[in-house]
Amino acid sequence: MHHFQRWRANILKAKTRQEVMQVMRDYIACVLPSELLKLPVTSQNALADTPTDIAGVAVTLRRDELRFSGDEETAALMNEMTQTFTAASARIAHLDSRPSMFVVESPTPAE
C-alpha cells in the first residue's frame, strides 16, 4: 500500500497550495498504472493529467468507493486514496483560509 500516514505527514508539512499539489502529483506517481486500471473509470478520469481539483477528486473517489463491489485489494487502495485526497483538500482549504501575512498599510501623513 502507499502508506497514507506518510503522505498525510507530507501534506501537513506543505506551506502553500502549490506544495500540496506537488505532494499529490508525487503521490499519484507512486500508484502503479496496473493499480489505477483497477479503479472505476470515473476515478481514473478524475486522477488523469495531474488533477487540479483535489476536492473534486476526493469526492469522486469516495463516491466510487461507496459503490465499489470488486476485490478487497482495490477497495483498500480506493479507501487510502480517498483519505489522502481528502487530507489534501482539507489542507488546501486551511491554507486558503489563512489571512495574508502581508498587510499593506497606508503611509501616515507627516505632521
PDB file of N, CA and C in Angstrom:
ATOM      1  N   MET A   1       0.840  -1.183   0.000  1.00  0.00           N
ATOM      2  CA  MET A   1       0.000   0.000   0.000  1.00  0.00           C
ATOM      3  C   MET A   1       0.884   1.244   0.000  1.00  0.00           C
ATOM      4  N   HIS A   2       0.296   2.365  -0.154  1.00  0.00           N
ATOM      5  CA  HIS A   2       1.042   3.596  -0.361  1.00  0.00           C
ATOM      6  C   HIS A   2       1.213   4.422   0.914  1.00  0.00           C
ATOM      7  N   HIS A   3       0.874   3.852   2.050  1.00  0.00           N
ATOM      8  CA  HIS A   3       1.157   4.433   3.368  1.00  0.00           C
ATOM      9  C   HIS A   3       0.561   5.820   3.575  1.00  0.00           C
ATOM     10  N   PHE A   4      -0.744   5.828   3.797  1.00  0.00           N
ATOM     11  CA  PHE A   4      -1.478   7.072   3.994  1.00  0.00           C
ATOM     12  C   PHE A   4      -0.810   7.971   5.025  1.00  0.00           C
ATOM     13  N   GLN A   5      -0.365   7.423   6.151  1.00  0.00           N
ATOM     14  CA  GLN A   5       0.193   8.262   7.215  1.00  0.00           C
ATOM     15  C   GLN A   5       1.417   9.041   6.739  1.00  0.00           C
ATOM     16  N   ARG A   6       2.262   8.419   5.927  1.00  0.00           N
ATOM     17  CA  ARG A   6       3.435   9.118   5.400  1.00  0.00           C
ATOM     18  C   ARG A   6       3.023  10.271   4.491  1.00  0.00           C
ATOM     19  N   TRP A   7       2.074  10.005   3.618  1.00  0.00           N
ATOM     20  CA  TRP A   7       1.611  11.046   2.705  1.00  0.00           C
ATOM     21  C   TRP A   7       0.887  12.139   3.466  1.00  0.00           C
ATOM     22  N   ARG A   8       0.108  11.761   4.476  1.00  0.00           N
ATOM     23  CA  ARG A   8      -0.602  12.751   5.282  1.00  0.00           C
ATOM     24  C   ARG A   8       0.413  13.689   5.955  1.00  0.00           C
ATOM     25  N   ALA A   9       1.498  13.123   6.467  1.00  0.00           N
ATOM     26  CA  ALA A   9       2.538  13.945   7.096  1.00  0.00           C
ATOM     27  C   ALA A   9       3.112  14.932   6.087  1.00  0.00           C
ATOM     28  N   ASN A  10       3.359  14.481   4.862  1.00  0.00           N
ATOM     29  CA  ASN A  10       3.879  15.373   3.823  1.00  0.00           C
ATOM     30  C   ASN A  10       2.871  16.466   3.467  1.00  0.00           C
ATOM     31  N   ILE A  11       1.607  16.098   3.433  1.00  0.00           N
ATOM     32  CA  ILE A  11       0.554  17.076   3.144  1.00  0.00           C
ATOM     33  C   ILE A  11       0.529  18.147   4.237  1.00  0.00           C
ATOM     34  N   LEU A  12       0.617  17.719   5.489  1.00  0.00           N
ATOM     35  CA  LEU A  12       0.562  18.663   6.606  1.00  0.00           C
ATOM     36  C   LEU A  12       1.797  19.568   6.675  1.00  0.00           C
ATOM     37  N   LYS A  13       2.915  19.101   6.146  1.00  0.00           N
ATOM     38  CA  LYS A  13       4.132  19.922   6.116  1.00  0.00           C
ATOM     39  C   LYS A  13       4.076  21.008   5.044  1.00  0.00           C
ATOM     40  N   ALA A  14       3.223  20.806   4.043  1.00  0.00           N
ATOM     41  CA  ALA A  14       3.139  21.755   2.936  1.00  0.00           C
ATOM     42  C   ALA A  14       2.691  23.123   3.442  1.00  0.00           C
ATOM     43  N   LYS A  15       3.397  24.150   3.006  1.00  0.00           N
ATOM     44  CA  LYS A  15       3.127  25.518   3.457  1.00  0.00           C
ATOM     45  C   LYS A  15       2.278  26.318   2.475  1.00  0.00           C
ATOM     46  N   THR A  16       2.150  25.812   1.242  1.00  0.00           N
ATOM     47  CA  THR A  16       1.380  26.525   0.222  1.00  0.00           C
ATOM     48  C   THR A  16       0.527  25.532  -0.559  1.00  0.00           C
ATOM     49  N   ARG A  17      -0.453  26.076  -1.260  1.00  0.00           N
ATOM     50  CA  ARG A  17      -1.300  25.268  -2.151  1.00  0.00           C
ATOM     51  C   ARG A  17      -0.419  24.535  -3.173  1.00  0.00           C
ATOM     52  N   GLN A  18       0.579  25.222  -3.708  1.00  0.00           N
ATOM     53  CA  GLN A  18       1.454  24.623  -4.714  1.00  0.00           C
ATOM     54  C   GLN A  18       2.224  23.438  -4.132  1.00  0.00           C
ATOM     55  N   GLU A  19       2.657  23.545  -2.900  1.00  0.00           N
ATOM     56  CA  GLU A  19       3.368  22.431  -2.266  1.00  0.00           C
ATOM     57  C   GLU A  19       2.435  21.235  -2.065  1.00  0.00           C
ATOM     58  N   VAL A  20       1.184  21.488  -1.687  1.00  0.00           N
ATOM     59  CA  VAL A  20       0.215  20.392  -1.554  1.00  0.00           C
ATOM     60  C   VAL A  20       0.004  19.731  -2.910  1.00  0.00           C
ATOM     61  N   MET A  21      -0.130  20.536  -3.942  1.00  0.00           N
ATOM     62  CA  MET A  21      -0.330  19.986  -5.290  1.00  0.00           C
ATOM     63  C   MET A  21       0.863  19.124  -5.706  1.00  0.00           C
ATOM     64  N   GLN A  22       2.076  19.546  -5.354  1.00  0.00           N
ATOM     65  CA  GLN A  22       3.259  18.759  -5.691  1.00  0.00           C
ATOM     66  C   GLN A  22       3.258  17.434  -4.932  1.00  0.00           C
ATOM     67  N   VAL A  23       2.882  17.463  -3.673  1.00  0.00           N
ATOM     68  CA  VAL A  23       2.790  16.222  -2.891  1.00  0.00           C
ATOM     69  C   VAL A  23       1.800  15.272  -3.569  1.00  0.00           C
ATOM     70  N   MET A  24       0.685  15.800  -4.035  1.00  0.00           N
ATOM     71  CA  MET A  24      -0.322  14.940  -4.658  1.00  0.00           C
ATOM     72  C   MET A  24       0.148  14.411  -6.015  1.00  0.00           C
ATOM     73  N   ARG A  25       0.899  15.216  -6.754  1.00  0.00           N
ATOM     74  CA  ARG A  25       1.470  14.707  -8.009  1.00  0.00           C
ATOM     75  C   ARG A  25       2.436  13.566  -7.712  1.00  0.00           C
ATOM     76  N   ASP A  26       3.248  13.726  -6.671  1.00  0.00           N
ATOM     77  CA  ASP A  26       4.184  12.671  -6.271  1.00  0.00           C
ATOM     78  C   ASP A  26       3.421  11.429  -5.828  1.00  0.00           C
ATOM     79  N   TYR A  27       2.338  11.635  -5.098  1.00  0.00           N
ATOM     80  CA  TYR A  27       1.517  10.507  -4.618  1.00  0.00           C
ATOM     81  C   TYR A  27       0.960   9.711  -5.799  1.00  0.00           C
ATOM     82  N   ILE A  28       0.359  10.415  -6.746  1.00  0.00           N
ATOM     83  CA  ILE A  28      -0.220   9.735  -7.912  1.00  0.00           C
ATOM     84  C   ILE A  28       0.865   8.986  -8.683  1.00  0.00           C
ATOM     85  N   ALA A  29       2.047   9.577  -8.772  1.00  0.00           N
ATOM     86  CA  ALA A  29       3.147   8.932  -9.495  1.00  0.00           C
ATOM     87  C   ALA A  29       3.574   7.624  -8.837  1.00  0.00           C
ATOM     88  N   CYS A  30       3.309   7.474  -7.543  1.00  0.00           N
ATOM     89  CA  CYS A  30       3.682   6.252  -6.831  1.00  0.00           C
ATOM     90  C   CYS A  30       2.666   5.121  -6.995  1.00  0.00           C
ATOM     91  N   VAL A  31       1.503   5.454  -7.493  1.00  0.00           N
ATOM     92  CA  VAL A  31       0.488   4.419  -7.716  1.00  0.00           C
ATOM     93  C   VAL A  31       0.784   3.771  -9.062  1.00  0.00           C
ATOM     94  N   LEU A  32       0.915   2.466  -9.045  1.00  0.00           N
ATOM     95  CA  LEU A  32       1.245   1.745 -10.269  1.00  0.00           C
ATOM     96  C   LEU A  32       0.129   1.874 -11.306  1.00  0.00           C
ATOM     97  N   PRO A  33       0.482   1.992 -12.579  1.00  0.00           N
ATOM     98  CA  PRO A  33      -0.546   2.037 -13.627  1.00  0.00           C
ATOM     99  C   PRO A  33      -1.488   0.833 -13.563  1.00  0.00           C
ATOM    100  N   SER A  34      -0.960  -0.330 -13.218  1.00  0.00           N
ATOM    101  CA  SER A  34      -1.804  -1.522 -13.124  1.00  0.00           C
ATOM    102  C   SER A  34      -2.838  -1.387 -11.999  1.00  0.00           C
ATOM    103  N   GLU A  35      -2.474  -0.657 -10.939  1.00  0.00           N
ATOM    104  CA  GLU A  35      -3.426  -0.404  -9.850  1.00  0.00           C
ATOM    105  C   GLU A  35      -4.496   0.597 -10.293  1.00  0.00           C
ATOM    106  N   LEU A  36      -4.058   1.633 -10.991  1.00  0.00           N
ATOM    107  CA  LEU A  36      -5.015   2.638 -11.468  1.00  0.00           C
ATOM    108  C   LEU A  36      -6.048   2.035 -12.407  1.00  0.00           C
ATOM    109  N   LEU A  37      -5.614   1.073 -13.214  1.00  0.00           N
ATOM    110  CA  LEU A  37      -6.536   0.436 -14.159  1.00  0.00           C
ATOM    111  C   LEU A  37      -7.627  -0.372 -13.476  1.00  0.00           C
ATOM    112  N   LYS A  38      -7.430  -0.739 -12.217  1.00  0.00           N
ATOM    113  CA  LYS A  38      -8.436  -1.484 -11.466  1.00  0.00           C
ATOM    114  C   LYS A  38      -9.526  -0.575 -10.899  1.00  0.00           C
ATOM    115  N   LEU A  39      -9.255   0.730 -10.884  1.00  0.00           N
ATOM    116  CA  LEU A  39     -10.219   1.688 -10.344  1.00  0.00           C
ATOM    117  C   LEU A  39     -11.373   1.881 -11.324  1.00  0.00           C
ATOM    118  N   PRO A  40     -12.537   2.288 -10.825  1.00  0.00           N
ATOM    119  CA  PRO A  40     -13.631   2.640 -11.741  1.00  0.00           C
ATOM    120  C   PRO A  40     -13.184   3.739 -12.709  1.00  0.00           C
ATOM    121  N   VAL A  41     -13.753   3.751 -13.876  1.00  0.00           N
ATOM    122  CA  VAL A  41     -13.366   4.698 -14.922  1.00  0.00           C
ATOM    123  C   VAL A  41     -13.506   6.134 -14.445  1.00  0.00           C
ATOM    124  N   THR A  42     -14.543   6.434 -13.681  1.00  0.00           N
ATOM    125  CA  THR A  42     -14.716   7.812 -13.219  1.00  0.00           C
ATOM    126  C   THR A  42     -13.566   8.238 -12.306  1.00  0.00           C
ATOM    127  N   SER A  43     -13.068   7.320 -11.492  1.00  0.00           N
ATOM    128  CA  SER A  43     -11.906   7.628 -10.642  1.00  0.00           C
ATOM    129  C   SER A  43     -10.653   7.788 -11.498  1.00  0.00           C
ATOM    130  N   GLN A  44     -10.482   6.919 -12.479  1.00  0.00           N
ATOM    131  CA  GLN A  44      -9.327   7.034 -13.375  1.00  0.00           C
ATOM    132  C   GLN A  44      -9.332   8.386 -14.075  1.00  0.00           C
ATOM    133  N   ASN A  45     -10.498   8.792 -14.555  1.00  0.00           N
ATOM    134  CA  ASN A  45     -10.604  10.078 -15.254  1.00  0.00           C
ATOM    135  C   ASN A  45     -10.306  11.241 -14.318  1.00  0.00           C
ATOM    136  N   ALA A  46     -10.781  11.151 -13.088  1.00  0.00           N
ATOM    137  CA  ALA A  46     -10.541  12.222 -12.117  1.00  0.00           C
ATOM    138  C   ALA A  46      -9.052  12.352 -11.802  1.00  0.00           C
ATOM    139  N   LEU A  47      -8.344  11.243 -11.796  1.00  0.00           N
ATOM    140  CA  LEU A  47      -6.920  11.239 -11.462  1.00  0.00           C
ATOM    141  C   LEU A  47      -6.013  11.564 -12.649  1.00  0.00           C
ATOM    142  N   ALA A  48      -6.558  11.530 -13.850  1.00  0.00           N
ATOM    143  CA  ALA A  48      -5.751  11.718 -15.062  1.00  0.00           C
ATOM    144  C   ALA A  48      -5.180  13.128 -15.143  1.00  0.00           C
ATOM    145  N   ASP A  49      -4.024  13.228 -15.739  1.00  0.00           N
ATOM    146  CA  ASP A  49      -3.392  14.514 -16.037  1.00  0.00           C
ATOM    147  C   ASP A  49      -3.202  15.406 -14.815  1.00  0.00           C
ATOM    148  N   THR A  50      -2.670  14.855 -13.769  1.00  0.00           N
ATOM    149  CA  THR A  50      -2.355  15.598 -12.553  1.00  0.00           C
ATOM    150  C   THR A  50      -3.502  16.533 -12.175  1.00  0.00           C
ATOM    151  N   PRO A  51      -4.392  16.054 -11.350  1.00  0.00           N
ATOM    152  CA  PRO A  51      -5.602  16.824 -11.039  1.00  0.00           C
ATOM    153  C   PRO A  51      -5.304  18.163 -10.367  1.00  0.00           C
ATOM    154  N   THR A  52      -6.092  19.134 -10.734  1.00  0.00           N
ATOM    155  CA  THR A  52      -6.000  20.434 -10.083  1.00  0.00           C
ATOM    156  C   THR A  52      -7.161  20.640  -9.123  1.00  0.00           C
ATOM    157  N   ASP A  53      -8.201  19.829  -9.266  1.00  0.00           N
ATOM    158  CA  ASP A  53      -9.372  19.912  -8.388  1.00  0.00           C
ATOM    159  C   ASP A  53      -9.282  18.790  -7.357  1.00  0.00           C
ATOM    160  N   ILE A  54      -8.474  19.009  -6.335  1.00  0.00           N
ATOM    161  CA  ILE A  54      -8.228  17.982  -5.321  1.00  0.00           C
ATOM    162  C   ILE A  54      -9.518  17.595  -4.613  1.00  0.00           C
ATOM    163  N   ALA A  55     -10.349  18.570  -4.264  1.00  0.00           N
ATOM    164  CA  ALA A  55     -11.619  18.281  -3.585  1.00  0.00           C
ATOM    165  C   ALA A  55     -12.535  17.459  -4.493  1.00  0.00           C
ATOM    166  N   GLY A  56     -12.556  17.798  -5.769  1.00  0.00           N
ATOM    167  CA  GLY A  56     -13.381  17.047  -6.715  1.00  0.00           C
ATOM    168  C   GLY A  56     -12.928  15.600  -6.846  1.00  0.00           C
ATOM    169  N   VAL A  57     -11.616  15.392  -6.863  1.00  0.00           N
ATOM    170  CA  VAL A  57     -11.080  14.030  -6.924  1.00  0.00           C
ATOM    171  C   VAL A  57     -11.468  13.269  -5.662  1.00  0.00           C
ATOM    172  N   ALA A  58     -11.368  13.912  -4.505  1.00  0.00           N
ATOM    173  CA  ALA A  58     -11.730  13.260  -3.238  1.00  0.00           C
ATOM    174  C   ALA A  58     -13.186  12.809  -3.258  1.00  0.00           C
ATOM    175  N   VAL A  59     -14.063  13.671  -3.761  1.00  0.00           N
ATOM    176  CA  VAL A  59     -15.493  13.332  -3.826  1.00  0.00           C
ATOM    177  C   VAL A  59     -15.731  12.180  -4.798  1.00  0.00           C
ATOM    178  N   THR A  60     -15.097  12.245  -5.958  1.00  0.00           N
ATOM    179  CA  THR A  60     -15.258  11.171  -6.951  1.00  0.00           C
ATOM    180  C   THR A  60     -14.762   9.842  -6.396  1.00  0.00           C
ATOM    181  N   LEU A  61     -13.581   9.853  -5.773  1.00  0.00           N
ATOM    182  CA  LEU A  61     -13.049   8.624  -5.186  1.00  0.00           C
ATOM    183  C   LEU A  61     -13.984   8.063  -4.118  1.00  0.00           C
ATOM    184  N   ARG A  62     -14.507   8.934  -3.249  1.00  0.00           N
ATOM    185  CA  ARG A  62     -15.408   8.475  -2.186  1.00  0.00           C
ATOM    186  C   ARG A  62     -16.683   7.885  -2.775  1.00  0.00           C
ATOM    187  N   ARG A  63     -17.260   8.569  -3.742  1.00  0.00           N
ATOM    188  CA  ARG A  63     -18.479   8.067  -4.368  1.00  0.00           C
ATOM    189  C   ARG A  63     -18.227   6.696  -5.006  1.00  0.00           C
ATOM    190  N   ASP A  64     -17.128   6.592  -5.744  1.00  0.00           N
ATOM    191  CA  ASP A  64     -16.809   5.316  -6.386  1.00  0.00           C
ATOM    192  C   ASP A  64     -16.498   4.236  -5.351  1.00  0.00           C
ATOM    193  N   GLU A  65     -15.843   4.628  -4.274  1.00  0.00           N
ATOM    194  CA  GLU A  65     -15.532   3.664  -3.215  1.00  0.00           C
ATOM    195  C   GLU A  65     -16.817   3.102  -2.602  1.00  0.00           C
ATOM    196  N   LEU A  66     -17.782   3.957  -2.371  1.00  0.00           N
ATOM    197  CA  LEU A  66     -19.045   3.510  -1.774  1.00  0.00           C
ATOM    198  C   LEU A  66     -19.824   2.586  -2.705  1.00  0.00           C
ATOM    199  N   ARG A  67     -19.672   2.753  -3.991  1.00  0.00           N
ATOM    200  CA  ARG A  67     -20.371   1.922  -4.986  1.00  0.00           C
ATOM    201  C   ARG A  67     -19.572   0.684  -5.390  1.00  0.00           C
ATOM    202  N   PHE A  68     -18.312   0.613  -4.996  1.00  0.00           N
ATOM    203  CA  PHE A  68     -17.405  -0.433  -5.474  1.00  0.00           C
ATOM    204  C   PHE A  68     -17.768  -1.799  -4.906  1.00  0.00           C
ATOM    205  N   SER A  69     -17.757  -2.807  -5.772  1.00  0.00           N
ATOM    206  CA  SER A  69     -18.049  -4.173  -5.320  1.00  0.00           C
ATOM    207  C   SER A  69     -17.006  -5.158  -5.838  1.00  0.00           C
ATOM    208  N   GLY A  70     -15.786  -4.673  -6.046  1.00  0.00           N
ATOM    209  CA  GLY A  70     -14.718  -5.518  -6.576  1.00  0.00           C
ATOM    210  C   GLY A  70     -13.876  -6.135  -5.478  1.00  0.00           C
ATOM    211  N   ASP A  71     -12.633  -6.440  -5.821  1.00  0.00           N
ATOM    212  CA  ASP A  71     -11.738  -7.144  -4.908  1.00  0.00           C
ATOM    213  C   ASP A  71     -11.316  -6.254  -3.731  1.00  0.00           C
ATOM    214  N   GLU A  72     -10.923  -6.903  -2.637  1.00  0.00           N
ATOM    215  CA  GLU A  72     -10.569  -6.197  -1.397  1.00  0.00           C
ATOM    216  C   GLU A  72      -9.326  -5.329  -1.559  1.00  0.00           C
ATOM    217  N   GLU A  73      -8.366  -5.772  -2.340  1.00  0.00           N
ATOM    218  CA  GLU A  73      -7.135  -5.007  -2.529  1.00  0.00           C
ATOM    219  C   GLU A  73      -7.427  -3.654  -3.190  1.00  0.00           C
ATOM    220  N   THR A  74      -8.259  -3.670  -4.220  1.00  0.00           N
ATOM    221  CA  THR A  74      -8.616  -2.422  -4.888  1.00  0.00           C
ATOM    222  C   THR A  74      -9.476  -1.556  -3.977  1.00  0.00           C
ATOM    223  N   ALA A  75     -10.367  -2.167  -3.222  1.00  0.00           N
ATOM    224  CA  ALA A  75     -11.188  -1.420  -2.261  1.00  0.00           C
ATOM    225  C   ALA A  75     -10.300  -0.722  -1.230  1.00  0.00           C
ATOM    226  N   ALA A  76      -9.264  -1.402  -0.765  1.00  0.00           N
ATOM    227  CA  ALA A  76      -8.332  -0.807   0.209  1.00  0.00           C
ATOM    228  C   ALA A  76      -7.566   0.345  -0.427  1.00  0.00           C
ATOM    229  N   LEU A  77      -7.146   0.181  -1.669  1.00  0.00           N
ATOM    230  CA  LEU A  77      -6.456   1.265  -2.375  1.00  0.00           C
ATOM    231  C   LEU A  77      -7.373   2.467  -2.520  1.00  0.00           C
ATOM    232  N   MET A  78      -8.611   2.232  -2.899  1.00  0.00           N
ATOM    233  CA  MET A  78      -9.560   3.334  -3.058  1.00  0.00           C
ATOM    234  C   MET A  78      -9.769   4.064  -1.734  1.00  0.00           C
ATOM    235  N   ASN A  79      -9.854   3.303  -0.630  1.00  0.00           N
ATOM    236  CA  ASN A  79     -10.032   3.922   0.682  1.00  0.00           C
ATOM    237  C   ASN A  79      -8.832   4.799   1.025  1.00  0.00           C
ATOM    238  N   GLU A  80      -7.642   4.270   0.786  1.00  0.00           N
ATOM    239  CA  GLU A  80      -6.430   5.040   1.069  1.00  0.00           C
ATOM    240  C   GLU A  80      -6.345   6.282   0.195  1.00  0.00           C
ATOM    241  N   MET A  81      -6.652   6.138  -1.067  1.00  0.00           N
ATOM    242  CA  MET A  81      -6.608   7.288  -1.973  1.00  0.00           C
ATOM    243  C   MET A  81      -7.638   8.333  -1.561  1.00  0.00           C
ATOM    244  N   THR A  82      -8.817   7.886  -1.160  1.00  0.00           N
ATOM    245  CA  THR A  82      -9.849   8.809  -0.701  1.00  0.00           C
ATOM    246  C   THR A  82      -9.366   9.577   0.518  1.00  0.00           C
ATOM    247  N   GLN A  83      -8.769   8.872   1.478  1.00  0.00           N
ATOM    248  CA  GLN A  83      -8.256   9.536   2.674  1.00  0.00           C
ATOM    249  C   GLN A  83      -7.165  10.554   2.318  1.00  0.00           C
ATOM    250  N   THR A  84      -6.292  10.171   1.418  1.00  0.00           N
ATOM    251  CA  THR A  84      -5.182  11.040   1.045  1.00  0.00           C
ATOM    252  C   THR A  84      -5.680  12.301   0.342  1.00  0.00           C
ATOM    253  N   PHE A  85      -6.578  12.137  -0.611  1.00  0.00           N
ATOM    254  CA  PHE A  85      -7.109  13.304  -1.315  1.00  0.00           C
ATOM    255  C   PHE A  85      -7.977  14.167  -0.400  1.00  0.00           C
ATOM    256  N   THR A  86      -8.679  13.550   0.530  1.00  0.00           N
ATOM    257  CA  THR A  86      -9.470  14.317   1.487  1.00  0.00           C
ATOM    258  C   THR A  86      -8.552  15.137   2.391  1.00  0.00           C
ATOM    259  N   ALA A  87      -7.456  14.545   2.845  1.00  0.00           N
ATOM    260  CA  ALA A  87      -6.488  15.271   3.674  1.00  0.00           C
ATOM    261  C   ALA A  87      -5.883  16.439   2.897  1.00  0.00           C
ATOM    262  N   ALA A  88      -5.571  16.217   1.630  1.00  0.00           N
ATOM    263  CA  ALA A  88      -5.004  17.294   0.803  1.00  0.00           C
ATOM    264  C   ALA A  88      -6.027  18.409   0.601  1.00  0.00           C
ATOM    265  N   SER A  89      -7.259  18.038   0.373  1.00  0.00           N
ATOM    266  CA  SER A  89      -8.312  19.032   0.197  1.00  0.00           C
ATOM    267  C   SER A  89      -8.488  19.868   1.462  1.00  0.00           C
ATOM    268  N   ALA A  90      -8.474  19.210   2.616  1.00  0.00           N
ATOM    269  CA  ALA A  90      -8.603  19.927   3.890  1.00  0.00           C
ATOM    270  C   ALA A  90      -7.410  20.851   4.116  1.00  0.00           C
ATOM    271  N   ARG A  91      -6.220  20.400   3.738  1.00  0.00           N
ATOM    272  CA  ARG A  91      -5.023  21.231   3.913  1.00  0.00           C
ATOM    273  C   ARG A  91      -5.098  22.473   3.026  1.00  0.00           C
ATOM    274  N   ILE A  92      -5.514  22.291   1.793  1.00  0.00           N
ATOM    275  CA  ILE A  92      -5.646  23.428   0.889  1.00  0.00           C
ATOM    276  C   ILE A  92      -6.682  24.409   1.431  1.00  0.00           C
ATOM    277  N   ALA A  93      -7.803  23.888   1.924  1.00  0.00           N
ATOM    278  CA  ALA A  93      -8.838  24.762   2.495  1.00  0.00           C
ATOM    279  C   ALA A  93      -8.272  25.547   3.679  1.00  0.00           C
ATOM    280  N   HIS A  94      -7.487  24.880   4.504  1.00  0.00           N
ATOM    281  CA  HIS A  94      -6.868  25.553   5.648  1.00  0.00           C
ATOM    282  C   HIS A  94      -5.901  26.647   5.182  1.00  0.00           C
ATOM    283  N   LEU A  95      -5.056  26.306   4.227  1.00  0.00           N
ATOM    284  CA  LEU A  95      -4.082  27.277   3.725  1.00  0.00           C
ATOM    285  C   LEU A  95      -4.781  28.471   3.067  1.00  0.00           C
ATOM    286  N   ASP A  96      -5.850  28.198   2.337  1.00  0.00           N
ATOM    287  CA  ASP A  96      -6.568  29.270   1.648  1.00  0.00           C
ATOM    288  C   ASP A  96      -7.334  30.167   2.614  1.00  0.00           C
ATOM    289  N   SER A  97      -7.629  29.654   3.803  1.00  0.00           N
ATOM    290  CA  SER A  97      -8.421  30.438   4.757  1.00  0.00           C
ATOM    291  C   SER A  97      -7.563  31.309   5.668  1.00  0.00           C
ATOM    292  N   ARG A  98      -6.255  31.102   5.624  1.00  0.00           N
ATOM    293  CA  ARG A  98      -5.367  31.911   6.474  1.00  0.00           C
ATOM    294  C   ARG A  98      -5.330  33.339   5.977  1.00  0.00           C
ATOM    295  N   PRO A  99      -5.305  34.290   6.915  1.00  0.00           N
ATOM    296  CA  PRO A  99      -5.169  35.685   6.484  1.00  0.00           C
ATOM    297  C   PRO A  99      -3.801  35.900   5.855  1.00  0.00           C
ATOM    298  N   SER A 100      -3.759  36.822   4.974  1.00  0.00           N
ATOM    299  CA  SER A 100      -2.498  37.151   4.314  1.00  0.00           C
ATOM    300  C   SER A 100      -1.488  37.628   5.347  1.00  0.00           C
ATOM    301  N   MET A 101      -0.264  37.204   5.180  1.00  0.00           N
ATOM    302  CA  MET A 101       0.786  37.607   6.111  1.00  0.00           C
ATOM    303  C   MET A 101       1.298  39.008   5.803  1.00  0.00           C
ATOM    304  N   PHE A 102       0.983  39.503   4.628  1.00  0.00           N
ATOM    305  CA  PHE A 102       1.462  40.815   4.226  1.00  0.00           C
ATOM    306  C   PHE A 102       0.314  41.805   4.300  1.00  0.00           C
ATOM    307  N   VAL A 103       0.486  42.799   5.106  1.00  0.00           N
ATOM    308  CA  VAL A 103      -0.528  43.834   5.256  1.00  0.00           C
ATOM    309  C   VAL A 103       0.056  45.123   4.688  1.00  0.00           C
ATOM    310  N   VAL A 104      -0.661  45.672   3.766  1.00  0.00           N
ATOM    311  CA  VAL A 104      -0.215  46.930   3.181  1.00  0.00           C
ATOM    312  C   VAL A 104      -0.890  48.041   3.957  1.00  0.00           C
ATOM    313  N   GLU A 105      -0.077  48.866   4.561  1.00  0.00           N
ATOM    314  CA  GLU A 105      -0.612  49.981   5.352  1.00  0.00           C
ATOM    315  C   GLU A 105      -0.431  51.270   4.569  1.00  0.00           C
ATOM    316  N   SER A 106      -1.391  52.119   4.745  1.00  0.00           N
ATOM    317  CA  SER A 106      -1.298  53.444   4.138  1.00  0.00           C
ATOM    318  C   SER A 106      -0.270  54.252   4.919  1.00  0.00           C
ATOM    319  N   PRO A 107       0.543  54.999   4.209  1.00  0.00           N
ATOM    320  CA  PRO A 107       1.512  55.837   4.929  1.00  0.00           C
ATOM    321  C   PRO A 107       0.773  56.910   5.739  1.00  0.00           C
ATOM    322  N   THR A 108       1.283  57.156   6.898  1.00  0.00           N
ATOM    323  CA  THR A 108       0.677  58.198   7.734  1.00  0.00           C
ATOM    324  C   THR A 108       1.224  59.542   7.299  1.00  0.00           C
ATOM    325  N   PRO A 109       0.375  60.522   7.216  1.00  0.00           N
ATOM    326  CA  PRO A 109       0.849  61.839   6.778  1.00  0.00           C
ATOM    327  C   PRO A 109       1.826  62.437   7.788  1.00  0.00           C
ATOM    328  N   ALA A 110       2.839  63.060   7.297  1.00  0.00           N
ATOM    329  CA  ALA A 110       3.838  63.732   8.160  1.00  0.00           C
ATOM    330  C   ALA A 110       3.219  64.987   8.734  1.00  0.00           C
ATOM    331  N   GLU A 111       3.555  65.253   9.967  1.00  0.00           N
ATOM    332  CA  GLU A 111       2.999  66.452  10.604  1.00  0.00           C
ATOM    333  C   GLU A 111       3.944  67.600  10.501  1.00  0.00           C
TER     334      GLU A 111
END
